[in-house]
Amino acid sequence: MTTVAAAVISAVASVMVGLLTLMGVIITNGRANRDIERKIAVAQAVTDTKLAELTREVREHNRLAKRVPVVEEQIKSVSHRITDIENILN
């Protein structure tokens, strides 16, 4: 075999190894990206669920916060009535 033929074979082999390495890197990166996207999707779903629950709790709290002053006013009124009744009975 001549040195030129050996050099060509060596060059072709090097190009083939490079292409196979490139294919391996592309496949590995593609799989890694899919795994990362899957993990992000799961984390987003968990975050969405927690946010929905927090929103529900805040709405419930706000309803309660609106009702407390009304109840306080009713308690004040009832307290005055009881005081008036006690004064009448004494």
N, C-alpha and C. Protein backbone atom coordinates (compact mmCIF):
# COMPACT_ATOMS: atom_id res chain seq x y z
N MET A 1 0.84 -1.15 0.00
CA MET A 1 0.00 0.00 0.00
C MET A 1 0.90 1.24 0.00
N THR A 2 0.49 2.19 -0.75
CA THR A 2 1.30 3.40 -0.84
C THR A 2 0.96 4.34 0.30
N THR A 3 1.81 5.28 0.52
CA THR A 3 1.59 6.23 1.60
C THR A 3 0.38 7.12 1.32
N VAL A 4 0.11 7.39 0.04
CA VAL A 4 -1.06 8.21 -0.32
C VAL A 4 -2.34 7.45 0.00
N ALA A 5 -2.38 6.17 -0.35
CA ALA A 5 -3.56 5.35 -0.07
C ALA A 5 -3.76 5.22 1.43
N ALA A 6 -2.71 5.07 2.18
CA ALA A 6 -2.80 4.96 3.63
C ALA A 6 -3.30 6.28 4.21
N ALA A 7 -2.85 7.40 3.66
CA ALA A 7 -3.28 8.70 4.14
C ALA A 7 -4.77 8.91 3.85
N VAL A 8 -5.22 8.48 2.66
CA VAL A 8 -6.63 8.62 2.30
C VAL A 8 -7.50 7.75 3.21
N ILE A 9 -7.06 6.53 3.44
CA ILE A 9 -7.81 5.63 4.32
C ILE A 9 -7.87 6.20 5.73
N SER A 10 -6.76 6.74 6.19
CA SER A 10 -6.71 7.35 7.52
C SER A 10 -7.63 8.57 7.59
N ALA A 11 -7.65 9.38 6.54
CA ALA A 11 -8.51 10.55 6.51
C ALA A 11 -9.98 10.15 6.49
N VAL A 12 -10.32 9.16 5.67
CA VAL A 12 -11.71 8.67 5.60
C VAL A 12 -12.13 8.10 6.94
N ALA A 13 -11.25 7.35 7.57
CA ALA A 13 -11.56 6.77 8.88
C ALA A 13 -11.78 7.88 9.91
N SER A 14 -10.93 8.90 9.86
CA SER A 14 -11.08 10.02 10.81
C SER A 14 -12.40 10.74 10.59
N VAL A 15 -12.79 10.96 9.33
CA VAL A 15 -14.06 11.62 9.03
C VAL A 15 -15.23 10.77 9.51
N MET A 16 -15.14 9.45 9.31
CA MET A 16 -16.22 8.55 9.75
C MET A 16 -16.35 8.57 11.27
N VAL A 17 -15.22 8.53 11.97
CA VAL A 17 -15.25 8.56 13.43
C VAL A 17 -15.84 9.89 13.89
N GLY A 18 -15.46 10.97 13.24
CA GLY A 18 -16.00 12.28 13.58
C GLY A 18 -17.50 12.34 13.38
N LEU A 19 -17.98 11.80 12.24
CA LEU A 19 -19.42 11.79 11.97
C LEU A 19 -20.19 10.93 12.97
N LEU A 20 -19.62 9.77 13.30
CA LEU A 20 -20.28 8.92 14.30
C LEU A 20 -20.31 9.60 15.66
N THR A 21 -19.25 10.29 16.02
CA THR A 21 -19.21 11.03 17.28
C THR A 21 -20.26 12.14 17.28
N LEU A 22 -20.35 12.86 16.18
CA LEU A 22 -21.34 13.92 16.05
C LEU A 22 -22.75 13.37 16.18
N MET A 23 -23.02 12.24 15.55
CA MET A 23 -24.35 11.62 15.65
C MET A 23 -24.64 11.23 17.10
N GLY A 24 -23.63 10.68 17.78
CA GLY A 24 -23.81 10.31 19.19
C GLY A 24 -24.12 11.51 20.06
N VAL A 25 -23.43 12.62 19.82
CA VAL A 25 -23.67 13.83 20.59
C VAL A 25 -25.07 14.37 20.31
N ILE A 26 -25.48 14.37 19.06
CA ILE A 26 -26.82 14.87 18.70
C ILE A 26 -27.90 14.02 19.36
N ILE A 27 -27.75 12.71 19.31
CA ILE A 27 -28.75 11.81 19.92
C ILE A 27 -28.79 12.02 21.43
N THR A 28 -27.62 12.10 22.06
CA THR A 28 -27.56 12.28 23.52
C THR A 28 -28.18 13.61 23.94
N ASN A 29 -27.87 14.66 23.21
CA ASN A 29 -28.45 15.97 23.53
C ASN A 29 -29.96 15.98 23.33
N GLY A 30 -30.43 15.32 22.29
CA GLY A 30 -31.87 15.24 22.06
C GLY A 30 -32.59 14.55 23.20
N ARG A 31 -32.03 13.44 23.67
CA ARG A 31 -32.64 12.71 24.79
C ARG A 31 -32.59 13.54 26.07
N ALA A 32 -31.45 14.19 26.30
CA ALA A 32 -31.33 15.01 27.50
C ALA A 32 -32.34 16.16 27.47
N ASN A 33 -32.52 16.77 26.31
CA ASN A 33 -33.49 17.86 26.18
C ASN A 33 -34.91 17.37 26.44
N ARG A 34 -35.25 16.19 25.94
CA ARG A 34 -36.59 15.64 26.19
C ARG A 34 -36.79 15.38 27.68
N ASP A 35 -35.76 14.85 28.34
CA ASP A 35 -35.87 14.60 29.78
C ASP A 35 -36.05 15.90 30.55
N ILE A 36 -35.30 16.91 30.17
CA ILE A 36 -35.42 18.21 30.84
C ILE A 36 -36.80 18.80 30.60
N GLU A 37 -37.30 18.72 29.37
CA GLU A 37 -38.63 19.24 29.06
C GLU A 37 -39.70 18.51 29.86
N ARG A 38 -39.54 17.20 30.02
CA ARG A 38 -40.50 16.42 30.80
C ARG A 38 -40.48 16.86 32.26
N LYS A 39 -39.28 17.06 32.81
CA LYS A 39 -39.17 17.50 34.20
C LYS A 39 -39.75 18.90 34.38
N ILE A 40 -39.53 19.76 33.43
CA ILE A 40 -40.09 21.12 33.49
C ILE A 40 -41.61 21.06 33.44
N ALA A 41 -42.14 20.19 32.59
CA ALA A 41 -43.60 20.07 32.47
C ALA A 41 -44.20 19.58 33.79
N VAL A 42 -43.55 18.62 34.44
CA VAL A 42 -44.04 18.11 35.72
C VAL A 42 -43.96 19.22 36.78
N ALA A 43 -42.85 19.93 36.82
CA ALA A 43 -42.70 21.01 37.79
C ALA A 43 -43.75 22.10 37.55
N GLN A 44 -44.03 22.40 36.30
CA GLN A 44 -45.04 23.41 35.97
C GLN A 44 -46.42 22.95 36.41
N ALA A 45 -46.71 21.67 36.22
CA ALA A 45 -48.01 21.14 36.64
C ALA A 45 -48.15 21.23 38.16
N VAL A 46 -47.09 20.92 38.88
CA VAL A 46 -47.13 21.02 40.35
C VAL A 46 -47.33 22.48 40.77
N THR A 47 -46.60 23.38 40.12
CA THR A 47 -46.73 24.80 40.42
C THR A 47 -48.14 25.29 40.13
N ASP A 48 -48.70 24.87 39.01
CA ASP A 48 -50.07 25.28 38.65
C ASP A 48 -51.07 24.78 39.69
N THR A 49 -50.89 23.54 40.15
CA THR A 49 -51.79 22.98 41.16
C THR A 49 -51.68 23.74 42.47
N LYS A 50 -50.45 24.03 42.89
CA LYS A 50 -50.26 24.78 44.13
C LYS A 50 -50.84 26.19 44.02
N LEU A 51 -50.66 26.81 42.87
CA LEU A 51 -51.19 28.16 42.66
C LEU A 51 -52.71 28.15 42.68
N ALA A 52 -53.32 27.14 42.09
CA ALA A 52 -54.78 27.05 42.10
C ALA A 52 -55.29 26.87 43.52
N GLU A 53 -54.61 26.05 44.31
CA GLU A 53 -55.01 25.83 45.70
C GLU A 53 -54.83 27.11 46.51
N LEU A 54 -53.74 27.80 46.30
CA LEU A 54 -53.50 29.06 47.01
C LEU A 54 -54.55 30.10 46.64
N THR A 55 -54.89 30.17 45.37
CA THR A 55 -55.93 31.09 44.92
C THR A 55 -57.26 30.78 45.59
N ARG A 56 -57.59 29.49 45.69
CA ARG A 56 -58.83 29.08 46.36
C ARG A 56 -58.81 29.51 47.83
N GLU A 57 -57.68 29.31 48.49
CA GLU A 57 -57.58 29.67 49.90
C GLU A 57 -57.68 31.19 50.09
N VAL A 58 -57.08 31.95 49.21
CA VAL A 58 -57.15 33.41 49.30
C VAL A 58 -58.59 33.87 49.10
N ARG A 59 -59.29 33.29 48.14
CA ARG A 59 -60.70 33.67 47.92
C ARG A 59 -61.55 33.35 49.14
N GLU A 60 -61.29 32.18 49.74
CA GLU A 60 -62.03 31.79 50.94
C GLU A 60 -61.74 32.78 52.08
N HIS A 61 -60.48 33.15 52.22
CA HIS A 61 -60.10 34.12 53.24
C HIS A 61 -60.77 35.46 52.99
N ASN A 62 -60.79 35.90 51.75
CA ASN A 62 -61.41 37.19 51.41
C ASN A 62 -62.90 37.18 51.72
N ARG A 63 -63.57 36.05 51.43
CA ARG A 63 -65.01 35.96 51.78
C ARG A 63 -65.19 36.08 53.29
N LEU A 64 -64.32 35.42 54.02
CA LEU A 64 -64.40 35.49 55.48
C LEU A 64 -64.11 36.91 55.96
N ALA A 65 -63.12 37.54 55.38
CA ALA A 65 -62.77 38.91 55.78
C ALA A 65 -63.92 39.87 55.50
N LYS A 66 -64.71 39.63 54.49
CA LYS A 66 -65.87 40.48 54.21
C LYS A 66 -66.99 40.22 55.21
N ARG A 67 -67.10 38.98 55.69
CA ARG A 67 -68.20 38.63 56.59
C ARG A 67 -67.92 39.03 58.04
N VAL A 68 -66.67 39.09 58.45
CA VAL A 68 -66.34 39.37 59.86
C VAL A 68 -66.88 40.72 60.32
N PRO A 69 -66.71 41.80 59.58
CA PRO A 69 -67.27 43.08 60.05
C PRO A 69 -68.79 43.03 60.21
N VAL A 70 -69.46 42.31 59.35
CA VAL A 70 -70.92 42.17 59.46
C VAL A 70 -71.27 41.43 60.75
N VAL A 71 -70.55 40.36 61.02
CA VAL A 71 -70.80 39.58 62.24
C VAL A 71 -70.48 40.42 63.47
N GLU A 72 -69.40 41.18 63.42
CA GLU A 72 -69.04 42.04 64.55
C GLU A 72 -70.15 43.06 64.82
N GLU A 73 -70.68 43.63 63.77
CA GLU A 73 -71.77 44.59 63.93
C GLU A 73 -73.01 43.93 64.52
N GLN A 74 -73.29 42.70 64.07
CA GLN A 74 -74.44 41.98 64.62
C GLN A 74 -74.22 41.65 66.09
N ILE A 75 -73.00 41.26 66.44
CA ILE A 75 -72.69 40.95 67.85
C ILE A 75 -72.84 42.21 68.71
N LYS A 76 -72.38 43.34 68.20
CA LYS A 76 -72.51 44.61 68.93
C LYS A 76 -74.00 44.93 69.16
N SER A 77 -74.80 44.71 68.13
CA SER A 77 -76.23 44.99 68.25
C SER A 77 -76.88 44.06 69.28
N VAL A 78 -76.53 42.79 69.22
CA VAL A 78 -77.09 41.81 70.17
C VAL A 78 -76.63 42.15 71.58
N SER A 79 -75.39 42.56 71.72
CA SER A 79 -74.87 42.93 73.04
C SER A 79 -75.64 44.11 73.61
N HIS A 80 -75.94 45.10 72.78
CA HIS A 80 -76.73 46.25 73.24
C HIS A 80 -78.13 45.81 73.65
N ARG A 81 -78.72 44.91 72.89
CA ARG A 81 -80.06 44.43 73.23
C ARG A 81 -80.05 43.70 74.57
N ILE A 82 -79.02 42.88 74.77
CA ILE A 82 -78.92 42.13 76.05
C ILE A 82 -78.76 43.12 77.20
N THR A 83 -77.92 44.12 77.00
CA THR A 83 -77.74 45.14 78.04
C THR A 83 -79.06 45.86 78.34
N ASP A 84 -79.78 46.20 77.28
CA ASP A 84 -81.09 46.85 77.48
C ASP A 84 -82.05 45.96 78.24
N ILE A 85 -82.08 44.68 77.92
CA ILE A 85 -82.97 43.72 78.60
C ILE A 85 -82.56 43.58 80.06
N GLU A 86 -81.25 43.50 80.31
CA GLU A 86 -80.77 43.40 81.69
C GLU A 86 -81.18 44.64 82.51
N ASN A 87 -81.08 45.81 81.86
CA ASN A 87 -81.47 47.05 82.56
C ASN A 87 -82.96 47.08 82.88
N ILE A 88 -83.75 46.54 81.96
CA ILE A 88 -85.20 46.50 82.19
C ILE A 88 -85.52 45.54 83.32
N LEU A 89 -84.84 44.40 83.36
CA LEU A 89 -85.12 43.38 84.38
C LEU A 89 -84.61 43.79 85.76
N ASN A 90 -83.63 44.64 85.80
CA ASN A 90 -83.10 45.02 87.12
C ASN A 90 -83.82 46.22 87.60
